[in-house]
N, C-alpha and C. Protein backbone atom coordinates (compact mmCIF):
# COMPACT_ATOMS: atom_id res chain seq x y z
N MET A 1 33.69 11.01 -37.94
CA MET A 1 33.25 11.57 -39.23
C MET A 1 32.82 12.99 -39.00
N LEU A 2 33.34 13.85 -39.83
CA LEU A 2 33.07 15.30 -39.69
C LEU A 2 31.71 15.69 -40.33
N VAL A 3 31.43 15.09 -41.49
CA VAL A 3 30.21 15.38 -42.22
C VAL A 3 29.81 14.11 -42.96
N GLY A 4 28.57 13.75 -42.92
CA GLY A 4 28.15 12.59 -43.70
C GLY A 4 27.38 11.55 -42.93
N PRO A 5 27.07 10.46 -43.54
CA PRO A 5 27.47 10.08 -44.89
C PRO A 5 26.72 10.94 -45.92
N LEU A 6 27.30 11.05 -47.09
CA LEU A 6 26.74 11.81 -48.19
C LEU A 6 26.34 10.89 -49.35
N ASN A 7 25.27 11.23 -50.04
CA ASN A 7 24.84 10.54 -51.22
C ASN A 7 25.36 11.36 -52.41
N LEU A 8 26.39 10.81 -53.11
CA LEU A 8 26.94 11.52 -54.23
C LEU A 8 26.44 10.92 -55.51
N PRO A 9 26.26 11.75 -56.58
CA PRO A 9 25.80 11.23 -57.86
C PRO A 9 26.75 10.21 -58.41
N GLU A 10 26.16 9.24 -59.14
CA GLU A 10 26.98 8.23 -59.83
C GLU A 10 26.80 8.34 -61.30
N GLY A 11 27.85 8.08 -62.06
CA GLY A 11 27.80 8.01 -63.50
C GLY A 11 27.76 9.36 -64.18
N ARG A 12 28.11 10.44 -63.49
CA ARG A 12 28.16 11.77 -64.08
C ARG A 12 29.16 12.63 -63.30
N CYS A 13 29.59 13.66 -63.93
CA CYS A 13 30.44 14.63 -63.23
C CYS A 13 29.66 15.47 -62.26
N PHE A 14 30.29 15.88 -61.16
CA PHE A 14 29.66 16.78 -60.23
C PHE A 14 30.74 17.55 -59.54
N TRP A 15 30.33 18.70 -58.94
CA TRP A 15 31.26 19.63 -58.29
C TRP A 15 31.11 19.41 -56.79
N VAL A 16 32.22 19.14 -56.11
CA VAL A 16 32.26 19.01 -54.67
C VAL A 16 33.14 20.13 -54.10
N GLU A 17 32.65 20.84 -53.15
CA GLU A 17 33.42 21.88 -52.49
C GLU A 17 33.37 21.70 -51.01
N VAL A 18 34.52 21.74 -50.35
CA VAL A 18 34.63 21.53 -48.95
C VAL A 18 35.15 22.82 -48.27
N HIS A 19 34.39 23.36 -47.28
CA HIS A 19 34.83 24.54 -46.55
C HIS A 19 35.20 24.10 -45.17
N GLN A 20 36.37 24.52 -44.67
CA GLN A 20 36.77 24.18 -43.33
C GLN A 20 37.44 25.33 -42.65
N LYS A 21 37.07 25.55 -41.40
CA LYS A 21 37.81 26.43 -40.51
C LYS A 21 38.44 25.47 -39.50
N LEU A 22 39.75 25.40 -39.47
CA LEU A 22 40.41 24.44 -38.62
C LEU A 22 40.45 24.89 -37.17
N SER A 23 40.14 23.97 -36.30
CA SER A 23 40.19 24.21 -34.84
C SER A 23 40.17 22.85 -34.14
N ASN A 24 40.90 22.80 -32.99
CA ASN A 24 40.86 21.58 -32.22
C ASN A 24 39.81 21.62 -31.16
N VAL A 25 38.84 22.59 -31.21
CA VAL A 25 37.81 22.75 -30.23
C VAL A 25 36.44 22.59 -30.93
N ASN A 26 35.61 21.66 -30.42
CA ASN A 26 34.26 21.48 -30.95
C ASN A 26 33.50 22.83 -30.80
N GLY A 27 32.76 23.21 -31.81
CA GLY A 27 32.00 24.44 -31.78
C GLY A 27 32.77 25.61 -32.38
N GLU A 28 34.10 25.56 -32.40
CA GLU A 28 34.92 26.61 -33.06
C GLU A 28 35.34 26.22 -34.48
N ALA A 29 35.32 24.92 -34.77
CA ALA A 29 35.60 24.44 -36.11
C ALA A 29 34.46 24.58 -37.01
N LEU A 30 34.67 24.53 -38.33
CA LEU A 30 33.59 24.49 -39.32
C LEU A 30 33.95 23.50 -40.38
N ASN A 31 32.98 22.64 -40.73
CA ASN A 31 33.09 21.67 -41.78
C ASN A 31 31.83 21.69 -42.62
N GLU A 32 31.96 22.10 -43.89
CA GLU A 32 30.77 22.13 -44.75
C GLU A 32 31.15 21.44 -46.09
N VAL A 33 30.21 20.71 -46.64
CA VAL A 33 30.37 20.06 -47.95
C VAL A 33 29.20 20.51 -48.84
N PHE A 34 29.55 20.96 -50.02
CA PHE A 34 28.56 21.35 -51.03
C PHE A 34 28.69 20.47 -52.24
N VAL A 35 27.60 20.04 -52.80
CA VAL A 35 27.56 19.19 -53.99
C VAL A 35 26.75 19.95 -55.06
N ASP A 36 27.37 20.30 -56.15
CA ASP A 36 26.76 21.09 -57.20
C ASP A 36 26.20 22.39 -56.62
N GLY A 37 26.87 23.00 -55.70
CA GLY A 37 26.45 24.29 -55.15
C GLY A 37 25.40 24.20 -54.05
N VAL A 38 24.98 23.04 -53.68
CA VAL A 38 23.97 22.86 -52.60
C VAL A 38 24.63 22.21 -51.37
N LYS A 39 24.37 22.85 -50.21
CA LYS A 39 25.00 22.31 -49.00
C LYS A 39 24.45 20.93 -48.71
N ALA A 40 25.34 19.97 -48.65
CA ALA A 40 25.00 18.53 -48.38
C ALA A 40 25.20 18.10 -46.96
N GLY A 41 25.94 18.92 -46.16
CA GLY A 41 26.19 18.54 -44.77
C GLY A 41 27.09 19.57 -44.13
N ALA A 42 27.01 19.66 -42.80
CA ALA A 42 27.85 20.60 -42.09
C ALA A 42 27.98 20.13 -40.63
N SER A 43 29.05 20.55 -39.96
CA SER A 43 29.24 20.29 -38.54
C SER A 43 30.24 21.29 -38.00
N THR A 44 30.28 21.39 -36.68
CA THR A 44 31.31 22.22 -36.00
C THR A 44 32.18 21.30 -35.15
N THR A 45 32.30 20.04 -35.56
CA THR A 45 33.15 19.09 -34.84
C THR A 45 34.63 19.47 -35.07
N ALA A 46 35.41 19.38 -33.98
CA ALA A 46 36.86 19.75 -34.10
C ALA A 46 37.52 18.93 -35.25
N ASN A 47 38.36 19.58 -36.02
CA ASN A 47 38.91 18.96 -37.25
C ASN A 47 40.43 19.14 -37.29
N SER A 48 41.04 19.44 -36.22
CA SER A 48 42.47 19.70 -36.17
C SER A 48 43.03 19.30 -34.80
N ARG A 49 44.26 19.03 -34.75
CA ARG A 49 44.94 18.77 -33.49
C ARG A 49 45.88 19.88 -33.13
N GLY A 50 45.70 21.06 -33.72
CA GLY A 50 46.50 22.22 -33.46
C GLY A 50 47.83 22.25 -34.17
N ARG A 51 48.02 21.34 -35.13
CA ARG A 51 49.29 21.29 -35.86
C ARG A 51 49.16 22.14 -37.13
N VAL A 52 50.27 22.59 -37.67
CA VAL A 52 50.34 23.35 -38.91
C VAL A 52 50.07 22.39 -40.09
N VAL A 53 49.24 22.87 -41.05
CA VAL A 53 48.95 22.11 -42.27
C VAL A 53 50.02 22.42 -43.29
N ASN A 54 50.76 21.37 -43.72
CA ASN A 54 51.83 21.55 -44.70
C ASN A 54 51.47 20.99 -46.07
N ASN A 55 50.42 20.10 -46.15
CA ASN A 55 50.04 19.56 -47.43
C ASN A 55 48.59 19.07 -47.29
N ILE A 56 48.00 18.77 -48.46
CA ILE A 56 46.62 18.31 -48.53
C ILE A 56 46.58 17.11 -49.50
N ARG A 57 45.73 16.13 -49.15
CA ARG A 57 45.57 14.97 -50.07
C ARG A 57 44.12 14.91 -50.48
N TYR A 58 43.87 14.47 -51.68
CA TYR A 58 42.56 14.33 -52.26
C TYR A 58 42.31 12.87 -52.53
N GLY A 59 41.03 12.46 -52.32
CA GLY A 59 40.72 11.08 -52.66
C GLY A 59 39.62 10.53 -51.76
N LEU A 60 39.49 9.20 -51.78
CA LEU A 60 38.50 8.51 -50.96
C LEU A 60 39.22 7.88 -49.78
N PRO A 61 38.54 7.88 -48.59
CA PRO A 61 39.15 7.20 -47.43
C PRO A 61 39.18 5.72 -47.65
N ALA A 62 40.03 5.01 -46.92
CA ALA A 62 40.10 3.55 -46.98
C ALA A 62 38.77 2.97 -46.51
N LEU A 63 38.41 1.88 -47.11
CA LEU A 63 37.15 1.20 -46.78
C LEU A 63 37.39 0.20 -45.68
N ALA A 64 36.45 0.15 -44.71
CA ALA A 64 36.55 -0.84 -43.64
C ALA A 64 36.16 -2.22 -44.17
N PRO A 65 36.68 -3.27 -43.54
CA PRO A 65 36.25 -4.62 -43.94
C PRO A 65 34.72 -4.74 -43.87
N GLY A 66 34.16 -5.44 -44.85
CA GLY A 66 32.72 -5.61 -44.88
C GLY A 66 32.01 -4.57 -45.68
N CYS A 67 32.69 -3.52 -46.06
CA CYS A 67 32.06 -2.45 -46.91
C CYS A 67 32.08 -2.92 -48.38
N SER A 68 31.32 -2.19 -49.15
CA SER A 68 31.32 -2.51 -50.59
C SER A 68 32.71 -2.27 -51.21
N GLY A 69 32.93 -2.82 -52.37
CA GLY A 69 34.24 -2.73 -53.00
C GLY A 69 34.62 -1.30 -53.35
N ALA A 70 35.86 -1.09 -53.66
CA ALA A 70 36.45 0.23 -53.97
C ALA A 70 35.79 0.76 -55.22
N SER A 71 35.76 2.06 -55.33
CA SER A 71 35.21 2.76 -56.50
C SER A 71 36.38 3.51 -57.23
N THR A 72 36.10 3.92 -58.37
CA THR A 72 37.02 4.79 -59.11
C THR A 72 36.51 6.17 -59.08
N ILE A 73 37.39 7.13 -58.75
CA ILE A 73 37.01 8.53 -58.69
C ILE A 73 38.09 9.35 -59.37
N TYR A 74 37.70 10.29 -60.15
CA TYR A 74 38.63 11.15 -60.87
C TYR A 74 38.50 12.63 -60.38
N PHE A 75 39.59 13.31 -60.16
CA PHE A 75 39.60 14.71 -59.81
C PHE A 75 40.19 15.44 -60.93
N ASP A 76 39.50 16.51 -61.38
CA ASP A 76 40.05 17.25 -62.55
C ASP A 76 40.45 18.69 -62.20
N ASP A 77 40.12 19.22 -61.01
CA ASP A 77 40.45 20.55 -60.71
C ASP A 77 40.60 20.80 -59.17
N PRO A 78 41.36 19.93 -58.52
CA PRO A 78 41.55 20.18 -57.06
C PRO A 78 42.29 21.48 -56.81
N SER A 79 41.90 22.18 -55.78
CA SER A 79 42.56 23.49 -55.46
C SER A 79 42.26 23.84 -54.00
N ILE A 80 43.00 24.83 -53.54
CA ILE A 80 42.79 25.46 -52.24
C ILE A 80 42.59 26.92 -52.50
N SER A 81 41.55 27.47 -51.82
CA SER A 81 41.24 28.87 -52.01
C SER A 81 40.68 29.43 -50.73
N SER A 82 40.79 30.74 -50.51
CA SER A 82 40.20 31.34 -49.32
C SER A 82 38.79 31.91 -49.60
N VAL A 83 38.25 31.65 -50.79
CA VAL A 83 36.88 32.06 -51.15
C VAL A 83 36.18 30.89 -51.83
N GLN A 84 34.82 30.98 -51.77
CA GLN A 84 34.01 29.93 -52.41
C GLN A 84 34.25 29.96 -53.90
N ARG A 85 34.44 28.79 -54.47
CA ARG A 85 34.72 28.74 -55.95
C ARG A 85 33.43 28.52 -56.76
N GLY A 86 32.42 27.89 -56.18
CA GLY A 86 31.16 27.68 -56.88
C GLY A 86 31.24 26.54 -57.90
N THR A 87 30.14 26.29 -58.60
CA THR A 87 30.04 25.21 -59.53
C THR A 87 30.67 25.63 -60.85
N HIS A 88 31.07 24.64 -61.67
CA HIS A 88 31.65 24.90 -63.00
C HIS A 88 30.67 24.43 -64.01
């Protein structure tokens, strides 16, 4: 796990922003998560295996057996940017 676990709001819209500097070396990578403009977690754990990134997927990770049931999540403005986008 790069950052987390996180407590996300339920029953309302919220803005999530993820900042990453990709590196396969611990301490050189950057992983930050912001919720409604407030930093919710960060680490410098390696987040790449040195391969080129050709695509990105959005969503929830698969749940392990024994975890609570699946949730519904809607994304309305996924994007990739080289600058912080901030809250809407």
